[in-house]
Every structure is written in structure tokens, then in C-alpha cells.
Protein backbone atom coordinates (compact mmCIF):
# COMPACT_ATOMS: atom_id res chain seq x y z
CA MET A 1 34.35 26.44 31.91
CA THR A 2 32.31 29.43 30.76
CA GLY A 3 28.54 29.40 30.30
CA GLU A 4 29.05 29.51 26.53
CA ALA A 5 31.15 26.37 26.52
CA HIS A 6 29.63 22.96 26.59
CA SER A 7 30.94 19.56 27.52
CA ARG A 8 30.84 16.63 25.20
CA ARG A 9 31.47 12.98 25.62
CA VAL A 10 31.70 9.97 23.35
CA CYS A 11 29.24 7.11 23.51
CA ARG A 12 32.20 4.75 23.18
CA ASN A 13 30.33 1.51 22.71
CA ARG A 14 28.92 2.87 19.41
CA GLY A 15 31.64 5.35 18.49
CA ILE A 16 29.01 8.11 18.17
CA LEU A 17 29.65 11.61 19.45
CA VAL A 18 26.70 12.96 21.42
CA ALA A 19 26.19 16.24 23.24
CA GLU A 20 25.98 15.97 27.02
CA ARG A 21 25.06 19.61 27.53
CA ALA A 22 24.39 22.04 24.72
CA ALA A 23 25.45 25.68 24.69
CA PRO A 24 22.67 28.21 25.37
CA ALA A 25 21.03 29.78 22.34
CA ALA A 26 21.91 33.32 21.34
CA ASP A 27 18.71 34.64 22.94
CA GLY A 28 19.49 32.90 26.21
CA ARG A 29 17.00 30.05 25.80
CA ALA A 30 18.11 26.63 26.94
CA VAL A 31 18.78 24.20 24.13
CA ARG A 32 17.57 20.65 24.53
CA PRO A 33 20.48 18.18 24.69
CA LEU A 34 20.85 16.06 21.59
CA ASN A 35 21.01 12.91 23.69
CA PRO A 36 19.28 13.36 27.05
CA LYS A 37 19.44 9.65 27.88
CA PRO A 38 22.45 8.02 26.17
CA ARG A 39 22.76 4.27 26.25
CA LYS A 40 25.21 2.83 28.73
CA SER A 41 28.16 0.83 27.45
CA GLN A 42 27.02 -2.74 26.87
CA PRO A 43 27.42 -5.58 24.39
CA ASP A 44 26.17 -5.05 20.87
CA MET A 45 22.44 -5.04 20.36
CA LYS A 46 21.27 -7.87 18.10
CA ILE A 47 18.50 -8.15 15.53
CA THR A 48 16.15 -10.99 16.47
CA ASP A 49 13.57 -10.80 13.67
CA ILE A 50 12.48 -8.98 10.51
CA LYS A 51 8.78 -8.73 9.66
CA SER A 52 7.26 -7.64 6.36
CA GLU A 53 3.67 -6.47 5.82
CA VAL A 54 1.81 -5.17 2.75
CA PHE A 55 -1.26 -2.92 2.63
CA GLU A 56 -3.44 -1.85 -0.31
CA TRP A 57 -6.43 0.50 -0.63
CA GLU A 58 -8.53 2.04 -3.35
CA ARG A 59 -8.13 5.64 -4.42
CA PRO A 60 -8.99 7.75 -7.47
CA GLY A 61 -6.80 6.93 -10.48
CA ILE A 62 -4.24 9.52 -11.55
CA TRP A 63 -1.25 9.41 -13.89
CA ASN A 64 1.89 11.20 -14.96
CA GLY A 65 3.85 11.08 -18.19
CA GLY A 66 4.96 7.50 -17.69
CA HIS A 67 2.93 5.74 -15.00
CA PHE A 68 -0.63 5.16 -13.84
CA TYR A 69 -1.34 5.41 -10.11
CA GLY A 70 -4.17 3.08 -9.16
CA PRO A 71 -4.59 1.55 -5.70
CA GLY A 72 -2.50 2.95 -2.87
CA ARG A 73 0.09 0.50 -1.61
CA LEU A 74 2.52 0.44 1.31
CA HIS A 75 5.17 -2.05 2.43
CA LYS A 76 6.20 -2.00 6.09
CA ILE A 77 9.31 -3.50 7.67
CA THR A 78 9.58 -4.13 11.41
CA VAL A 79 13.02 -4.85 12.91
CA GLU A 80 13.02 -6.38 16.39
CA THR A 81 16.00 -6.56 18.77
CA ASP A 82 17.11 -8.40 21.86
CA GLU A 83 16.93 -5.15 23.84
CA GLY A 84 13.25 -4.65 23.17
CA ILE A 85 13.80 -1.66 20.88
CA THR A 86 11.78 -1.94 17.67
CA GLY A 87 12.32 0.03 14.48
CA TYR A 88 10.04 0.63 11.52
CA GLY A 89 10.62 1.45 7.87
CA TRP A 90 8.38 1.52 4.83
CA ASN A 91 8.08 2.02 1.08
CA GLY A 92 5.21 3.04 -1.13
CA GLY A 93 2.17 4.97 0.02
CA THR A 94 2.15 7.27 -3.00
CA ALA A 95 3.84 4.76 -5.31
CA ALA A 96 2.68 3.94 -8.82
CA GLU A 97 1.85 0.35 -9.78
CA ARG A 98 4.77 -0.99 -7.78
CA PRO A 99 4.40 -4.78 -7.21
CA LEU A 100 4.57 -4.67 -3.43
CA ASN A 101 3.40 -8.29 -3.30
CA LEU A 102 6.97 -9.19 -4.27
CA PHE A 103 8.55 -7.25 -1.40
CA PRO A 104 8.01 -9.83 1.40
CA GLY A 105 9.99 -12.44 -0.54
CA TYR A 106 13.07 -10.23 -0.43
CA ALA A 107 12.51 -9.60 3.28
CA ASP A 108 12.52 -13.38 3.72
CA TYR A 109 15.79 -13.55 1.77
CA PHE A 110 17.44 -10.86 3.91
CA ARG A 111 16.16 -12.18 7.27
CA PRO A 112 18.80 -14.89 7.91
CA LEU A 113 21.52 -12.47 6.80
CA LEU A 114 20.37 -9.96 9.43
CA ILE A 115 19.47 -11.96 12.50
CA GLY A 116 22.27 -11.62 15.06
CA ARG A 117 23.68 -8.43 13.54
CA ASP A 118 23.89 -5.11 15.35
CA PRO A 119 21.18 -2.76 13.97
CA MET A 120 23.29 0.22 15.03
CA ASP A 121 25.83 -0.72 12.35
CA THR A 122 23.63 0.60 9.57
CA ARG A 123 26.42 1.36 7.11
CA SER A 124 27.87 -2.15 7.15
CA ILE A 125 24.41 -3.67 6.76
CA ALA A 126 23.70 -1.40 3.79
CA ALA A 127 27.00 -2.38 2.15
CA ASP A 128 26.81 -6.11 2.87
CA LEU A 129 23.23 -6.47 1.63
CA GLY A 130 23.56 -3.88 -1.13
CA GLU A 131 26.82 -3.39 -3.04
CA LYS A 132 28.23 -6.78 -2.02
CA LEU A 133 25.18 -8.65 -3.34
CA ILE A 134 25.00 -6.95 -6.74
CA LYS A 135 26.26 -10.12 -8.44
CA ILE A 136 23.42 -12.09 -6.85
CA LEU A 137 20.51 -9.61 -6.86
CA GLY A 138 21.45 -7.04 -9.49
CA ILE A 139 22.25 -3.35 -9.36
CA GLY A 140 18.94 -2.12 -8.03
CA GLY A 141 15.22 -2.73 -7.94
CA ILE A 142 12.71 -4.20 -5.54
CA HIS A 143 15.41 -5.75 -3.35
CA THR A 144 17.10 -2.35 -2.97
CA GLN A 145 13.83 -0.81 -1.84
CA VAL A 146 13.29 -3.58 0.70
CA LEU A 147 16.83 -2.99 1.94
CA ALA A 148 15.96 0.72 2.20
CA ALA A 149 13.04 -0.06 4.50
CA ILE A 150 15.31 -2.28 6.61
CA ASN A 151 17.97 0.45 6.79
CA ILE A 152 15.37 3.05 7.75
CA ALA A 153 14.08 0.74 10.50
CA CYS A 154 17.64 0.27 11.82
CA TRP A 155 18.15 4.05 11.87
CA ASP A 156 14.86 4.29 13.76
CA ILE A 157 16.30 1.85 16.31
CA LYS A 158 19.56 3.79 16.49
CA GLY A 159 17.72 7.02 17.20
CA LYS A 160 15.52 5.45 19.86
CA ALA A 161 18.54 3.82 21.51
CA LEU A 162 20.54 7.06 21.61
CA GLY A 163 17.61 9.38 22.34
CA GLN A 164 18.21 11.29 19.10
CA SER A 165 16.25 12.02 15.97
CA ILE A 166 17.58 10.76 12.65
CA HIS A 167 17.61 14.41 11.59
CA GLN A 168 20.09 15.21 14.39
CA MET A 169 22.27 12.18 13.69
CA LEU A 170 22.54 13.10 10.01
CA GLY A 171 23.64 16.64 10.77
CA GLY A 172 20.63 18.65 11.95
CA ALA A 173 21.58 21.71 9.87
CA GLN A 174 18.06 23.13 9.49
CA SER A 175 15.22 23.15 12.00
CA ARG A 176 12.71 24.14 9.30
CA ILE A 177 12.66 23.58 5.55
CA ARG A 178 10.64 24.93 2.66
CA THR A 179 8.11 22.61 1.03
CA TYR A 180 6.58 22.36 -2.39
CA ILE A 181 3.23 20.71 -3.02
CA ALA A 182 3.45 17.78 -5.44
CA GLY A 183 0.37 17.51 -7.63
CA GLY A 184 -0.96 18.56 -10.99
CA TYR A 185 -1.42 14.95 -12.09
CA TYR A 186 -3.50 13.98 -15.09
CA ALA A 187 -6.91 12.50 -14.24
CA GLU A 188 -10.14 11.56 -15.97
CA GLY A 189 -12.26 14.67 -16.48
CA LYS A 190 -9.53 17.00 -15.22
CA GLY A 191 -9.10 19.98 -17.51
CA LEU A 192 -7.38 23.33 -17.19
CA GLU A 193 -10.04 24.75 -14.90
CA GLU A 194 -9.74 21.82 -12.47
CA LEU A 195 -5.95 22.08 -12.58
CA GLN A 196 -6.16 25.77 -11.72
CA GLU A 197 -8.51 25.04 -8.82
CA GLU A 198 -6.04 22.46 -7.49
CA VAL A 199 -2.93 24.62 -7.58
CA ARG A 200 -4.85 27.63 -6.24
CA PHE A 201 -6.06 25.49 -3.32
CA ASN A 202 -2.49 24.39 -2.64
CA VAL A 203 -1.40 28.01 -2.37
CA GLU A 204 -4.36 29.46 -0.51
CA GLU A 205 -5.26 26.57 1.80
CA MET A 206 -2.04 24.53 2.05
CA HIS A 207 0.17 27.65 2.40
CA ALA A 208 2.35 26.53 -0.51
CA SER A 209 5.03 28.92 -1.71
CA ALA A 210 5.92 26.40 -4.44
CA VAL A 211 3.89 23.90 -6.48
CA LYS A 212 4.70 21.21 -9.04
CA ILE A 213 2.62 19.89 -11.93
CA LYS A 214 3.03 17.00 -14.34
CA ILE A 215 3.94 17.19 -18.01
CA GLY A 216 4.88 14.50 -20.52
CA ASP A 217 1.63 12.65 -21.29
CA PRO A 218 2.12 11.69 -24.96
CA ASN A 219 -1.61 12.15 -25.55
CA VAL A 220 -1.34 15.78 -24.48
CA GLY A 221 1.85 16.80 -26.29
CA VAL A 222 4.09 19.81 -25.83
CA ALA A 223 1.41 22.32 -26.86
CA GLY A 224 -1.16 20.84 -24.48
CA ASP A 225 1.29 20.68 -21.61
CA MET A 226 2.37 24.26 -22.16
CA ARG A 227 -1.28 25.28 -21.83
CA ARG A 228 -1.27 23.47 -18.46
CA VAL A 229 1.87 25.37 -17.42
CA GLU A 230 0.34 28.68 -18.54
CA ALA A 231 -2.93 27.97 -16.71
CA SER A 232 -1.06 27.04 -13.52
CA ARG A 233 1.05 30.19 -13.60
CA LYS A 234 -2.05 32.35 -14.08
CA ALA A 235 -3.78 30.61 -11.16
CA ILE A 236 -0.95 30.97 -8.64
CA GLY A 237 0.44 34.36 -9.68
CA ASP A 238 3.99 35.49 -10.23
CA ASP A 239 5.30 35.15 -6.66
CA ILE A 240 4.82 31.38 -6.26
CA THR A 241 7.56 29.01 -7.42
CA LEU A 242 6.41 26.65 -10.20
CA MET A 243 8.07 23.34 -11.13
CA VAL A 244 7.25 20.73 -13.78
CA ASP A 245 7.89 16.98 -13.76
CA ALA A 246 7.96 14.66 -16.79
CA ASN A 247 8.75 11.41 -14.94
CA CYS A 248 11.33 10.28 -17.54
CA ALA A 249 8.72 10.29 -20.31
CA LEU A 250 10.49 12.44 -22.91
CA ASP A 251 13.26 12.10 -25.45
CA LEU A 252 16.02 14.67 -25.81
CA ASP A 253 14.45 16.63 -28.69
CA THR A 254 11.13 17.00 -26.87
CA SER A 255 12.94 17.96 -23.66
CA LEU A 256 14.86 20.65 -25.52
CA GLU A 257 11.59 22.02 -26.90
CA PHE A 258 10.15 22.22 -23.39
CA ALA A 259 13.37 23.88 -22.20
CA ARG A 260 12.89 26.57 -24.85
CA GLN A 261 9.30 27.30 -23.84
CA LEU A 262 9.25 26.89 -20.05
CA PRO A 263 11.20 30.09 -19.22
CA GLN A 264 8.34 32.32 -20.41
CA TYR A 265 6.36 31.11 -17.40
CA ASN A 266 9.27 31.40 -14.97
CA VAL A 267 9.46 27.66 -14.27
CA TYR A 268 12.05 26.98 -11.57
CA TRP A 269 12.94 23.38 -12.38
CA PHE A 270 12.32 20.74 -15.03
CA GLU A 271 12.23 17.37 -13.27
CA GLU A 272 13.06 13.95 -14.73
CA PRO A 273 12.81 14.88 -18.39
CA LEU A 274 14.78 11.88 -19.68
CA PRO A 275 15.35 8.19 -18.95
CA ILE A 276 17.57 8.07 -15.87
CA HIS A 277 20.63 6.48 -17.51
CA ASP A 278 20.79 8.89 -20.43
CA TYR A 279 23.70 10.73 -18.83
CA GLU A 280 24.88 12.30 -22.06
CA GLY A 281 21.37 13.55 -22.81
CA HIS A 282 21.07 15.07 -19.35
CA GLY A 283 24.34 16.90 -19.88
CA LYS A 284 23.23 18.30 -23.24
CA LEU A 285 19.86 19.37 -21.87
CA ALA A 286 21.31 21.02 -18.77
CA ASP A 287 23.78 22.90 -20.93
CA ALA A 288 21.01 24.20 -23.21
CA SER A 289 18.38 24.94 -20.55
CA SER A 290 18.03 28.11 -18.48
CA VAL A 291 15.57 26.16 -16.32
CA LYS A 292 17.26 24.00 -13.69
CA ILE A 293 17.28 20.26 -14.34
CA ALA A 294 16.26 18.13 -11.35
CA THR A 295 16.43 14.33 -11.28
CA GLY A 296 17.45 11.34 -9.19
CA GLU A 297 14.37 9.78 -7.63
CA ASN A 298 14.98 6.54 -9.55
CA GLY A 299 18.69 6.29 -8.82
CA TYR A 300 19.73 3.35 -6.66
CA HIS A 301 23.41 3.87 -5.92
CA LEU A 302 26.03 6.55 -5.36
CA ALA A 303 27.73 5.61 -8.64
CA HIS A 304 24.63 6.64 -10.61
CA PHE A 305 24.64 10.11 -9.09
CA LYS A 306 28.37 10.49 -9.56
CA THR A 307 28.06 9.62 -13.26
CA LEU A 308 25.14 12.02 -13.64
CA LEU A 309 27.11 14.87 -12.07
CA ASP A 310 30.25 13.97 -14.03
CA HIS A 311 28.12 14.76 -17.10
CA LEU A 312 26.91 18.00 -15.46
CA GLY A 313 23.41 16.62 -15.94
CA ALA A 314 21.55 18.18 -13.01
CA SER A 315 21.68 21.06 -10.56
CA ILE A 316 19.13 19.57 -8.13
CA LEU A 317 19.06 15.93 -6.96
CA ASN A 318 15.77 14.26 -5.97
CA VAL A 319 17.31 11.36 -4.03
CA ASP A 320 14.77 9.09 -2.29
CA VAL A 321 15.81 7.32 0.93
CA ALA A 322 13.20 4.60 0.26
CA ILE A 323 14.68 3.78 -3.17
CA VAL A 324 18.42 4.03 -2.54
CA PRO A 325 19.37 1.57 0.23
CA GLY A 326 18.37 3.95 3.04
CA TYR A 327 19.87 6.87 4.92
CA ASP A 328 23.56 5.89 4.73
CA VAL A 329 23.72 5.85 0.95
CA ALA A 330 21.40 8.85 0.71
CA LYS A 331 23.74 10.84 2.98
CA ASP A 332 26.71 9.85 0.79
CA ILE A 333 24.81 11.24 -2.20
CA THR A 334 24.08 14.51 -0.39
CA ASP A 335 27.78 14.79 0.50
CA LEU A 336 28.66 14.32 -3.17
CA ALA A 337 26.11 16.99 -4.08
CA ALA A 338 27.70 19.42 -1.64
CA GLU A 339 31.12 18.83 -3.22
CA ARG A 340 29.66 19.55 -6.69
CA GLY A 341 27.63 22.61 -5.66
CA VAL A 342 24.30 20.85 -6.25
CA SER A 343 21.26 21.16 -3.99
CA ILE A 344 19.00 18.42 -2.63
CA ALA A 345 15.21 18.20 -2.87
CA PRO A 346 14.30 14.61 -1.96
CA HIS A 347 11.53 12.71 -3.66
CA GLY A 348 8.89 10.67 -1.92
CA CYS A 349 7.17 10.18 1.42
CA GLN A 350 7.72 13.45 3.27
CA GLU A 351 7.85 11.82 6.69
CA LEU A 352 10.87 9.72 5.64
CA GLN A 353 12.59 12.40 3.54
CA LEU A 354 12.33 15.23 6.08
CA PRO A 355 15.14 13.96 8.37
CA LEU A 356 17.55 13.96 5.42
CA ALA A 357 16.40 17.12 3.64
CA ALA A 358 16.67 19.28 6.75
CA ALA A 359 19.84 17.62 8.06
CA ILE A 360 22.02 19.30 5.43
CA PRO A 361 22.57 23.00 4.63
CA HIS A 362 21.96 22.42 0.91
CA GLY A 363 18.57 20.77 1.44
CA GLU A 364 16.51 23.16 -0.68
CA PHE A 365 12.98 21.75 -0.66
CA LEU A 366 10.89 18.97 0.87
CA GLU A 367 8.36 17.39 -1.47
CA TYR A 368 4.93 17.32 0.16
CA TYR A 369 2.10 15.05 -0.99
CA PRO A 370 -1.36 16.41 -0.11
CA VAL A 371 -4.54 14.39 0.42
CA ALA A 372 -5.53 15.26 -3.16
CA VAL A 373 -2.92 12.71 -4.26
CA ASP A 374 -4.15 10.10 -1.78
CA PRO A 375 -7.04 10.76 0.65
CA LEU A 376 -5.66 8.17 3.10
CA ARG A 377 -2.73 10.52 3.69
CA ALA A 378 -4.99 12.57 5.95
CA GLU A 379 -4.59 9.89 8.63
CA MET A 380 -1.81 7.52 7.50
CA PHE A 381 1.02 8.98 9.60
CA GLN A 382 1.19 10.14 13.21
CA PRO A 383 1.60 12.92 14.09
CA ILE A 384 0.27 14.67 10.98
CA LEU A 385 2.89 16.74 9.14
CA LYS A 386 1.50 19.98 7.71
CA PRO A 387 3.19 23.08 6.26
CA ASP A 388 3.23 26.17 8.44
CA GLU A 389 1.70 29.39 7.16
CA ASP A 390 4.95 30.36 5.44
CA GLY A 391 5.13 27.09 3.49
CA PHE A 392 7.87 25.61 5.68
CA VAL A 393 7.65 22.56 7.93
CA THR A 394 9.27 22.24 11.33
CA VAL A 395 11.42 19.17 11.98
CA PRO A 396 10.30 17.11 15.02
CA ASP A 397 12.88 16.32 17.69
CA ARG A 398 11.41 12.94 18.64
CA PRO A 399 13.87 10.02 18.69
CA GLY A 400 14.16 7.99 15.51
CA ILE A 401 12.16 8.89 12.41
CA GLY A 402 9.81 11.07 14.42
CA TYR A 403 6.71 9.68 12.71
CA GLU A 404 4.83 6.40 12.96
CA LEU A 405 2.34 4.60 10.78
CA ASN A 406 -1.28 4.71 11.91
CA MET A 407 -1.77 0.97 12.25
CA ASP A 408 -5.39 1.28 13.44
CA LEU A 409 -6.06 2.67 9.97
CA LEU A 410 -3.69 0.54 7.89
CA ASN A 411 -4.73 -2.77 9.43
CA ARG A 412 -8.06 -2.37 7.62
CA TYR A 413 -6.15 -2.68 4.35
CA ARG A 414 -3.72 -5.49 5.16
CA VAL A 415 -3.02 -7.90 2.32
CA GLY A 416 -2.52 -11.56 3.22
């Protein structure tokens, strides 16, 4: 076998193909094996317990077109196994007034359905506790988000067991991905000058090559929001990508008016203009708009995204792995997007979205929440994820998610 060839073997007990020795890189550097320490063939691992915890902390109030963001909240799921491998998943952190106090009840409901199951079988778990329980629990909502945290924790276990990152297991297409800084919220006492200071800071200090601001507050109106867009463009210059986000706050006529005015400021995308199930409206808006329509953060199932794309309602999907039932369904959505020629820019917690966004070739952006959105973000996750000087982030190669919650910090804010 030549030096350029590489051997592969199948981890047969899980049916997962893993690299035993990778080919050398083009510049001659050795490439780290995807699975340096594969698990030996053995009986199925079993889930022994599911734990649910909720945390809440104070932070400055901010809002978008449809929701007020008061206290910071986070829901954590811990999945324990008979092999001593523990996985973690979570929701919230930068969430609006999401009633996380209701989440543990759904974890209690799912617990007896999960104990004894193999956490490596993430797809079956997602189907059995998701699509197959729609008649009992409904199409989507809090239970779907709890299931997402469970699925993420099981993927974390899978990665730790196989010695692989979730990013690698999902495809590993990109080692680095471009970020945009999510911000530009409305806040008490925040005018155009303060907005300009914020977006300028994101560019100059956070190395952002793209920034997003909010529009859609009914008390501001189209004219007021267009002044915000104009002020932001003047602050960041012509070379920085600018996006706007209405958080489903607009009707079709108002969205069309924004679509007519946004191009003068070279806005790259118009995010969540309409209620999520207005598929016909999305199609009409996308057809009329020269600005790309992005949406999807509030979609729960593959069928929603298929219907949206059947109506040609978006050219960028903001799928969120903590809102759909985890990585399996999220990957199905990205596969659908690839078939339809649509790119992916996930919404939500960057530490959870990064493995998915960079795993696929059509992952266009990673949303990045700065400490301006929530000061606790400066220490909430370990290690700290920061954009490089070119506005990209580098994907970690640690097994599992690659990031952990800072429990020394969060335990100060435990609820109950």
C-alpha cells in the first residue's frame, strides 16, 4: 500500500465507519486519526439515568420585534450510562422568556422511555420520542426542545465512546467557518449612536466580517428601523456584511416594504420576516425580494422545512439543533437544503451549532452571541470560543461536543 493510501476498518458493533490511519496532508503533515481509540466490540451500552437541571440569572433587558429577553435561563440534561460515559446537552442561555421551569417535567416523562436504551442509537431515540409521540405530545414545543437536549447528550456520549468529535461524525467538511455577530437588539436608552458603537465594536474588537441587527419593533416602524439599518451601515462601512432579523414580527405587506428598501444599504439577508407557518407568504416575499430570505430557527421537524422549500420561501435555513430534536433531524434538514441548493446558517448557542454548521460544505455562517447579549457568556462555556482575526472560528477536535458548561459558575444560579 502506498504512503498516500490509508487503511480503514468498521467499528462493527456500532456500524460506524472510522478511520484507522488517515492519509498525509498535501503539505506532508501528519493528519490526526479520526478515531485514535475506537471502542472494542461489546454489548450495547445502556442509559442508566437522565438528569434535568435549570439555571437562571439576571441580565440587562433587551428585546427584538416579537420577544422580550429578561433573565438568562439554561436547561441542562445529563445522560448517564452503564459504561461510565456521561453526555451533556442543553437549551437556552440566550433564550427569550422561555418557561424552562416546565422542562424538567418532560425529562421526567422521557426518563422511563430511555433507561435501558443504547445512547449510541441516536436516530431511533429521536424518532421514537419525537415523530412517534406526536399524537401524545403534539408536533413541537417544549418537549421537542427537551428531546433535543437528550439527543445532543447522546451524541456527546457517542463521540466520547468513539474518540471522535460530533463535527467529524456529521461530516467534518470544514475545519473553520465564518461567523456573524448577533446583536443590534432594542434596549432602554439605546439610540442610533449606541447602536453604531455596538456594531463598530463588533467589527473592530470582535473581528466580525458580518453583523446582524434587529428590526420589527412595532413602536419603531419601518421608517425608524430603516434609520437603524442606515446608521449601522455607516458605522461598519461598505465591506462588512450586514443582516437584519425581524423575529417573525411582520405581516407580508410590511415585509415587502422592507424588501424594497433594504437593498439600498446592501443588506445580505432578511431573517424571519413572517410567522413561520406562512409558507405562501414566504414564497411571495422571496420571489419579490432581491435580499435573501433566511428563516427556520423556530421549525421543529423536517416536514416544516420541506414545505417551506416547496414554496421556495427561503434561500438560507437557520435550523437550531436545540429546537429540532437534536443533531439527527438537523442533519436531515441540512441534507434537504443541499438537495435544494440552499445554504445553512444555524441559529442559537454557537457551541452547539458549530459541529453542524462546519460539518457540511454548505454551512455558510455560524451565529455568534457576544457578551453584550449576555455578560455571563464570558465564562459560561469551556473552553471559550472566540472568532479569529479574520472573523472565522476554528472547530475543536475534542471528542463529543467539544465544549462543556462551566458548572462552577452555573451552580451559583441553580433553580430548585
